[in-house]
Amino acid sequence: MNFVFGVAHPGKAAVLSTHRLDSLDLINKEAIHETGHVLGLQHCNNECVMQFSNSLYEAKAKPATLCERCWSLVTFL
């Protein structure tokens, strides 16, 4: 991995590093992503905040919201 923005353990907790995150919008996006992992979501290939990011560019390019599929998985919890 080129970058680690955060790490999460499903059902337990997450840690987010803001060291490379250069805006509040990006911090919020990565916080949503790590919270998704805590709730049991995996990385997603859709236009989704749960997309895997291997660079700052990829993190900025992904949307800030869950896709319909991931949202439906979270609402069943």
PDB file of N, CA and C in Angstrom:
ATOM      1  N   MET A   1       0.845  -1.191   0.000  1.00  0.00           N
ATOM      2  CA  MET A   1       0.000   0.000   0.000  1.00  0.00           C
ATOM      3  C   MET A   1       0.878   1.239   0.000  1.00  0.00           C
ATOM      4  N   ASN A   2       0.487   2.213  -0.794  1.00  0.00           N
ATOM      5  CA  ASN A   2       1.210   3.480  -0.824  1.00  0.00           C
ATOM      6  C   ASN A   2       0.851   4.361   0.364  1.00  0.00           C
ATOM      7  N   PHE A   3      -0.419   4.346   0.719  1.00  0.00           N
ATOM      8  CA  PHE A   3      -0.915   5.198   1.791  1.00  0.00           C
ATOM      9  C   PHE A   3      -1.824   4.383   2.693  1.00  0.00           C
ATOM     10  N   VAL A   4      -1.801   4.698   3.962  1.00  0.00           N
ATOM     11  CA  VAL A   4      -2.787   4.167   4.888  1.00  0.00           C
ATOM     12  C   VAL A   4      -3.442   5.382   5.533  1.00  0.00           C
ATOM     13  N   PHE A   5      -4.712   5.569   5.213  1.00  0.00           N
ATOM     14  CA  PHE A   5      -5.447   6.705   5.776  1.00  0.00           C
ATOM     15  C   PHE A   5      -6.100   6.331   7.099  1.00  0.00           C
ATOM     16  N   GLY A   6      -6.382   5.047   7.252  1.00  0.00           N
ATOM     17  CA  GLY A   6      -7.002   4.584   8.481  1.00  0.00           C
ATOM     18  C   GLY A   6      -7.014   3.075   8.512  1.00  0.00           C
ATOM     19  N   VAL A   7      -7.414   2.558   9.644  1.00  0.00           N
ATOM     20  CA  VAL A   7      -7.549   1.110   9.815  1.00  0.00           C
ATOM     21  C   VAL A   7      -8.762   0.860  10.697  1.00  0.00           C
ATOM     22  N   ALA A   8      -9.489  -0.203  10.393  1.00  0.00           N
ATOM     23  CA  ALA A   8     -10.692  -0.499  11.165  1.00  0.00           C
ATOM     24  C   ALA A   8     -10.770  -1.985  11.463  1.00  0.00           C
ATOM     25  N   HIS A   9     -11.395  -2.290  12.572  1.00  0.00           N
ATOM     26  CA  HIS A   9     -11.677  -3.665  12.954  1.00  0.00           C
ATOM     27  C   HIS A   9     -13.192  -3.805  13.034  1.00  0.00           C
ATOM     28  N   PRO A  10     -13.785  -4.617  12.130  1.00  0.00           N
ATOM     29  CA  PRO A  10     -15.251  -4.746  12.081  1.00  0.00           C
ATOM     30  C   PRO A  10     -15.854  -5.035  13.455  1.00  0.00           C
ATOM     31  N   GLY A  11     -16.883  -4.287  13.762  1.00  0.00           N
ATOM     32  CA  GLY A  11     -17.586  -4.463  15.019  1.00  0.00           C
ATOM     33  C   GLY A  11     -16.904  -3.876  16.227  1.00  0.00           C
ATOM     34  N   LYS A  12     -15.736  -3.261  16.032  1.00  0.00           N
ATOM     35  CA  LYS A  12     -14.985  -2.770  17.188  1.00  0.00           C
ATOM     36  C   LYS A  12     -14.674  -1.281  17.100  1.00  0.00           C
ATOM     37  N   ALA A  13     -13.670  -0.919  16.308  1.00  0.00           N
ATOM     38  CA  ALA A  13     -13.210   0.470  16.306  1.00  0.00           C
ATOM     39  C   ALA A  13     -12.429   0.766  15.028  1.00  0.00           C
ATOM     40  N   ALA A  14     -12.148   2.046  14.843  1.00  0.00           N
ATOM     41  CA  ALA A  14     -11.339   2.494  13.710  1.00  0.00           C
ATOM     42  C   ALA A  14     -10.421   3.619  14.173  1.00  0.00           C
ATOM     43  N   VAL A  15      -9.306   3.747  13.459  1.00  0.00           N
ATOM     44  CA  VAL A  15      -8.365   4.840  13.682  1.00  0.00           C
ATOM     45  C   VAL A  15      -8.152   5.516  12.343  1.00  0.00           C
ATOM     46  N   LEU A  16      -8.180   6.831  12.329  1.00  0.00           N
ATOM     47  CA  LEU A  16      -8.016   7.617  11.108  1.00  0.00           C
ATOM     48  C   LEU A  16      -6.834   8.561  11.295  1.00  0.00           C
ATOM     49  N   SER A  17      -5.938   8.564  10.329  1.00  0.00           N
ATOM     50  CA  SER A  17      -4.820   9.509  10.346  1.00  0.00           C
ATOM     51  C   SER A  17      -5.153  10.678   9.435  1.00  0.00           C
ATOM     52  N   THR A  18      -5.016  11.884   9.937  1.00  0.00           N
ATOM     53  CA  THR A  18      -5.283  13.077   9.133  1.00  0.00           C
ATOM     54  C   THR A  18      -4.003  13.665   8.551  1.00  0.00           C
ATOM     55  N   HIS A  19      -2.889  13.006   8.750  1.00  0.00           N
ATOM     56  CA  HIS A  19      -1.588  13.535   8.324  1.00  0.00           C
ATOM     57  C   HIS A  19      -1.557  13.907   6.835  1.00  0.00           C
ATOM     58  N   ARG A  20      -2.070  13.049   5.974  1.00  0.00           N
ATOM     59  CA  ARG A  20      -2.047  13.305   4.528  1.00  0.00           C
ATOM     60  C   ARG A  20      -3.369  13.845   3.993  1.00  0.00           C
ATOM     61  N   LEU A  21      -4.367  13.933   4.817  1.00  0.00           N
ATOM     62  CA  LEU A  21      -5.686  14.393   4.366  1.00  0.00           C
ATOM     63  C   LEU A  21      -5.726  15.912   4.454  1.00  0.00           C
ATOM     64  N   ASP A  22      -5.778  16.562   3.302  1.00  0.00           N
ATOM     65  CA  ASP A  22      -5.552  18.010   3.245  1.00  0.00           C
ATOM     66  C   ASP A  22      -6.808  18.872   3.237  1.00  0.00           C
ATOM     67  N   SER A  23      -7.972  18.285   3.533  1.00  0.00           N
ATOM     68  CA  SER A  23      -9.186  19.086   3.622  1.00  0.00           C
ATOM     69  C   SER A  23     -10.179  18.409   4.565  1.00  0.00           C
ATOM     70  N   LEU A  24     -11.083  19.209   5.094  1.00  0.00           N
ATOM     71  CA  LEU A  24     -12.115  18.667   5.970  1.00  0.00           C
ATOM     72  C   LEU A  24     -13.016  17.704   5.207  1.00  0.00           C
ATOM     73  N   ASP A  25     -13.296  17.998   3.933  1.00  0.00           N
ATOM     74  CA  ASP A  25     -14.112  17.102   3.112  1.00  0.00           C
ATOM     75  C   ASP A  25     -13.456  15.726   2.994  1.00  0.00           C
ATOM     76  N   LEU A  26     -12.153  15.685   2.789  1.00  0.00           N
ATOM     77  CA  LEU A  26     -11.439  14.419   2.660  1.00  0.00           C
ATOM     78  C   LEU A  26     -11.392  13.675   3.996  1.00  0.00           C
ATOM     79  N   ILE A  27     -11.227  14.402   5.079  1.00  0.00           N
ATOM     80  CA  ILE A  27     -11.261  13.782   6.409  1.00  0.00           C
ATOM     81  C   ILE A  27     -12.629  13.148   6.651  1.00  0.00           C
ATOM     82  N   ASN A  28     -13.692  13.871   6.319  1.00  0.00           N
ATOM     83  CA  ASN A  28     -15.047  13.333   6.492  1.00  0.00           C
ATOM     84  C   ASN A  28     -15.255  12.090   5.632  1.00  0.00           C
ATOM     85  N   LYS A  29     -14.792  12.139   4.383  1.00  0.00           N
ATOM     86  CA  LYS A  29     -14.937  11.010   3.468  1.00  0.00           C
ATOM     87  C   LYS A  29     -14.240   9.765   4.021  1.00  0.00           C
ATOM     88  N   GLU A  30     -13.022   9.925   4.499  1.00  0.00           N
ATOM     89  CA  GLU A  30     -12.287   8.775   5.029  1.00  0.00           C
ATOM     90  C   GLU A  30     -12.869   8.304   6.360  1.00  0.00           C
ATOM     91  N   ALA A  31     -13.437   9.209   7.141  1.00  0.00           N
ATOM     92  CA  ALA A  31     -14.108   8.805   8.387  1.00  0.00           C
ATOM     93  C   ALA A  31     -15.336   7.952   8.075  1.00  0.00           C
ATOM     94  N   ILE A  32     -16.090   8.331   7.048  1.00  0.00           N
ATOM     95  CA  ILE A  32     -17.241   7.529   6.618  1.00  0.00           C
ATOM     96  C   ILE A  32     -16.761   6.162   6.146  1.00  0.00           C
ATOM     97  N   HIS A  33     -15.679   6.133   5.377  1.00  0.00           N
ATOM     98  CA  HIS A  33     -15.120   4.879   4.864  1.00  0.00           C
ATOM     99  C   HIS A  33     -14.735   3.944   6.018  1.00  0.00           C
ATOM    100  N   GLU A  34     -14.007   4.446   6.987  1.00  0.00           N
ATOM    101  CA  GLU A  34     -13.578   3.599   8.110  1.00  0.00           C
ATOM    102  C   GLU A  34     -14.760   3.168   8.977  1.00  0.00           C
ATOM    103  N   THR A  35     -15.743   4.044   9.135  1.00  0.00           N
ATOM    104  CA  THR A  35     -16.954   3.670   9.872  1.00  0.00           C
ATOM    105  C   THR A  35     -17.683   2.549   9.147  1.00  0.00           C
ATOM    106  N   GLY A  36     -17.690   2.612   7.817  1.00  0.00           N
ATOM    107  CA  GLY A  36     -18.277   1.517   7.031  1.00  0.00           C
ATOM    108  C   GLY A  36     -17.618   0.187   7.348  1.00  0.00           C
ATOM    109  N   HIS A  37     -16.292   0.186   7.468  1.00  0.00           N
ATOM    110  CA  HIS A  37     -15.589  -1.050   7.835  1.00  0.00           C
ATOM    111  C   HIS A  37     -15.989  -1.518   9.234  1.00  0.00           C
ATOM    112  N   VAL A  38     -16.112  -0.592  10.169  1.00  0.00           N
ATOM    113  CA  VAL A  38     -16.532  -0.960  11.529  1.00  0.00           C
ATOM    114  C   VAL A  38     -17.912  -1.619  11.487  1.00  0.00           C
ATOM    115  N   LEU A  39     -18.769  -1.140  10.586  1.00  0.00           N
ATOM    116  CA  LEU A  39     -20.117  -1.701  10.447  1.00  0.00           C
ATOM    117  C   LEU A  39     -20.137  -2.980   9.610  1.00  0.00           C
ATOM    118  N   GLY A  40     -18.976  -3.413   9.140  1.00  0.00           N
ATOM    119  CA  GLY A  40     -18.890  -4.684   8.425  1.00  0.00           C
ATOM    120  C   GLY A  40     -18.793  -4.595   6.916  1.00  0.00           C
ATOM    121  N   LEU A  41     -18.773  -3.382   6.360  1.00  0.00           N
ATOM    122  CA  LEU A  41     -18.669  -3.249   4.903  1.00  0.00           C
ATOM    123  C   LEU A  41     -17.252  -3.539   4.431  1.00  0.00           C
ATOM    124  N   GLN A  42     -17.145  -4.136   3.260  1.00  0.00           N
ATOM    125  CA  GLN A  42     -15.869  -4.398   2.612  1.00  0.00           C
ATOM    126  C   GLN A  42     -15.618  -3.307   1.568  1.00  0.00           C
ATOM    127  N   HIS A  43     -14.476  -3.350   0.917  1.00  0.00           N
ATOM    128  CA  HIS A  43     -14.238  -2.420  -0.190  1.00  0.00           C
ATOM    129  C   HIS A  43     -15.205  -2.733  -1.312  1.00  0.00           C
ATOM    130  N   CYS A  44     -15.591  -1.698  -2.053  1.00  0.00           N
ATOM    131  CA  CYS A  44     -16.649  -1.775  -3.057  1.00  0.00           C
ATOM    132  C   CYS A  44     -16.105  -1.297  -4.403  1.00  0.00           C
ATOM    133  N   ASN A  45     -16.576  -1.884  -5.483  1.00  0.00           N
ATOM    134  CA  ASN A  45     -16.165  -1.471  -6.829  1.00  0.00           C
ATOM    135  C   ASN A  45     -17.115  -0.474  -7.471  1.00  0.00           C
ATOM    136  N   ASN A  46     -18.236  -0.197  -6.816  1.00  0.00           N
ATOM    137  CA  ASN A  46     -19.197   0.781  -7.339  1.00  0.00           C
ATOM    138  C   ASN A  46     -18.706   2.202  -7.074  1.00  0.00           C
ATOM    139  N   GLU A  47     -19.448   3.188  -7.579  1.00  0.00           N
ATOM    140  CA  GLU A  47     -19.178   4.588  -7.227  1.00  0.00           C
ATOM    141  C   GLU A  47     -19.604   4.758  -5.778  1.00  0.00           C
ATOM    142  N   CYS A  48     -18.648   4.615  -4.874  1.00  0.00           N
ATOM    143  CA  CYS A  48     -18.980   4.466  -3.457  1.00  0.00           C
ATOM    144  C   CYS A  48     -17.811   4.934  -2.601  1.00  0.00           C
ATOM    145  N   VAL A  49     -18.109   5.481  -1.459  1.00  0.00           N
ATOM    146  CA  VAL A  49     -17.073   5.890  -0.508  1.00  0.00           C
ATOM    147  C   VAL A  49     -16.267   4.688  -0.001  1.00  0.00           C
ATOM    148  N   MET A  50     -16.801   3.490  -0.178  1.00  0.00           N
ATOM    149  CA  MET A  50     -16.105   2.281   0.272  1.00  0.00           C
ATOM    150  C   MET A  50     -15.097   1.763  -0.753  1.00  0.00           C
ATOM    151  N   GLN A  51     -14.873   2.489  -1.836  1.00  0.00           N
ATOM    152  CA  GLN A  51     -13.827   2.120  -2.786  1.00  0.00           C
ATOM    153  C   GLN A  51     -12.473   2.143  -2.076  1.00  0.00           C
ATOM    154  N   PHE A  52     -11.599   1.218  -2.460  1.00  0.00           N
ATOM    155  CA  PHE A  52     -10.235   1.199  -1.944  1.00  0.00           C
ATOM    156  C   PHE A  52      -9.460   2.368  -2.539  1.00  0.00           C
ATOM    157  N   SER A  53      -8.681   3.061  -1.731  1.00  0.00           N
ATOM    158  CA  SER A  53      -7.846   4.173  -2.197  1.00  0.00           C
ATOM    159  C   SER A  53      -6.388   3.861  -1.923  1.00  0.00           C
ATOM    160  N   ASN A  54      -5.586   3.821  -2.975  1.00  0.00           N
ATOM    161  CA  ASN A  54      -4.162   3.541  -2.841  1.00  0.00           C
ATOM    162  C   ASN A  54      -3.314   4.797  -3.014  1.00  0.00           C
ATOM    163  N   SER A  55      -3.981   5.949  -3.090  1.00  0.00           N
ATOM    164  CA  SER A  55      -3.274   7.221  -3.237  1.00  0.00           C
ATOM    165  C   SER A  55      -4.195   8.351  -2.810  1.00  0.00           C
ATOM    166  N   LEU A  56      -3.609   9.500  -2.592  1.00  0.00           N
ATOM    167  CA  LEU A  56      -4.405  10.671  -2.263  1.00  0.00           C
ATOM    168  C   LEU A  56      -5.326  11.027  -3.422  1.00  0.00           C
ATOM    169  N   TYR A  57      -4.835  10.888  -4.644  1.00  0.00           N
ATOM    170  CA  TYR A  57      -5.644  11.154  -5.843  1.00  0.00           C
ATOM    171  C   TYR A  57      -6.890  10.266  -5.854  1.00  0.00           C
ATOM    172  N   GLU A  58      -6.721   8.968  -5.611  1.00  0.00           N
ATOM    173  CA  GLU A  58      -7.858   8.047  -5.596  1.00  0.00           C
ATOM    174  C   GLU A  58      -8.836   8.384  -4.470  1.00  0.00           C
ATOM    175  N   ALA A  59      -8.331   8.783  -3.314  1.00  0.00           N
ATOM    176  CA  ALA A  59      -9.206   9.155  -2.201  1.00  0.00           C
ATOM    177  C   ALA A  59     -10.033  10.388  -2.546  1.00  0.00           C
ATOM    178  N   LYS A  60      -9.410  11.342  -3.215  1.00  0.00           N
ATOM    179  CA  LYS A  60     -10.139  12.545  -3.609  1.00  0.00           C
ATOM    180  C   LYS A  60     -11.163  12.263  -4.696  1.00  0.00           C
ATOM    181  N   ALA A  61     -10.865  11.303  -5.574  1.00  0.00           N
ATOM    182  CA  ALA A  61     -11.731  11.019  -6.719  1.00  0.00           C
ATOM    183  C   ALA A  61     -12.994  10.243  -6.353  1.00  0.00           C
ATOM    184  N   LYS A  62     -12.956   9.465  -5.276  1.00  0.00           N
ATOM    185  CA  LYS A  62     -14.136   8.664  -4.953  1.00  0.00           C
ATOM    186  C   LYS A  62     -15.219   9.541  -4.333  1.00  0.00           C
ATOM    187  N   PRO A  63     -16.476   9.110  -4.454  1.00  0.00           N
ATOM    188  CA  PRO A  63     -17.576   9.899  -3.879  1.00  0.00           C
ATOM    189  C   PRO A  63     -17.554   9.869  -2.350  1.00  0.00           C
ATOM    190  N   ALA A  64     -18.305  10.736  -1.751  1.00  0.00           N
ATOM    191  CA  ALA A  64     -18.347  10.846  -0.291  1.00  0.00           C
ATOM    192  C   ALA A  64     -19.524  10.092   0.319  1.00  0.00           C
ATOM    193  N   THR A  65     -20.237   9.342  -0.494  1.00  0.00           N
ATOM    194  CA  THR A  65     -21.429   8.639  -0.012  1.00  0.00           C
ATOM    195  C   THR A  65     -21.364   7.157  -0.355  1.00  0.00           C
ATOM    196  N   LEU A  66     -22.171   6.390   0.339  1.00  0.00           N
ATOM    197  CA  LEU A  66     -22.295   4.968   0.053  1.00  0.00           C
ATOM    198  C   LEU A  66     -23.111   4.754  -1.211  1.00  0.00           C
ATOM    199  N   CYS A  67     -22.796   3.710  -1.954  1.00  0.00           N
ATOM    200  CA  CYS A  67     -23.626   3.333  -3.098  1.00  0.00           C
ATOM    201  C   CYS A  67     -24.906   2.678  -2.564  1.00  0.00           C
ATOM    202  N   GLU A  68     -25.840   2.427  -3.450  1.00  0.00           N
ATOM    203  CA  GLU A  68     -27.117   1.827  -3.050  1.00  0.00           C
ATOM    204  C   GLU A  68     -26.912   0.448  -2.401  1.00  0.00           C
ATOM    205  N   ARG A  69     -26.016  -0.346  -2.950  1.00  0.00           N
ATOM    206  CA  ARG A  69     -25.759  -1.683  -2.409  1.00  0.00           C
ATOM    207  C   ARG A  69     -25.214  -1.608  -0.985  1.00  0.00           C
ATOM    208  N   CYS A  70     -24.178  -0.797  -0.763  1.00  0.00           N
ATOM    209  CA  CYS A  70     -23.593  -0.678   0.574  1.00  0.00           C
ATOM    210  C   CYS A  70     -24.588  -0.074   1.557  1.00  0.00           C
ATOM    211  N   TRP A  71     -25.348   0.915   1.094  1.00  0.00           N
ATOM    212  CA  TRP A  71     -26.359   1.527   1.960  1.00  0.00           C
ATOM    213  C   TRP A  71     -27.373   0.482   2.412  1.00  0.00           C
ATOM    214  N   SER A  72     -27.785  -0.393   1.499  1.00  0.00           N
ATOM    215  CA  SER A  72     -28.771  -1.431   1.869  1.00  0.00           C
ATOM    216  C   SER A  72     -28.186  -2.420   2.881  1.00  0.00           C
ATOM    217  N   LEU A  73     -26.899  -2.711   2.780  1.00  0.00           N
ATOM    218  CA  LEU A  73     -26.258  -3.604   3.751  1.00  0.00           C
ATOM    219  C   LEU A  73     -26.206  -2.968   5.134  1.00  0.00           C
ATOM    220  N   VAL A  74     -25.937  -1.680   5.198  1.00  0.00           N
ATOM    221  CA  VAL A  74     -25.858  -0.978   6.481  1.00  0.00           C
ATOM    222  C   VAL A  74     -27.232  -0.839   7.117  1.00  0.00           C
ATOM    223  N   THR A  75     -28.274  -0.618   6.335  1.00  0.00           N
ATOM    224  CA  THR A  75     -29.605  -0.393   6.907  1.00  0.00           C
ATOM    225  C   THR A  75     -30.205  -1.656   7.498  1.00  0.00           C
ATOM    226  N   PHE A  76     -29.628  -2.820   7.180  1.00  0.00           N
ATOM    227  CA  PHE A  76     -30.123  -4.066   7.768  1.00  0.00           C
ATOM    228  C   PHE A  76     -29.483  -4.371   9.112  1.00  0.00           C
ATOM    229  N   LEU A  77     -28.533  -3.555   9.548  1.00  0.00           N
ATOM    230  CA  LEU A  77     -27.853  -3.798  10.819  1.00  0.00           C
ATOM    231  C   LEU A  77     -28.716  -3.408  11.991  1.00  0.00           C
TER     232      LEU A  77
END
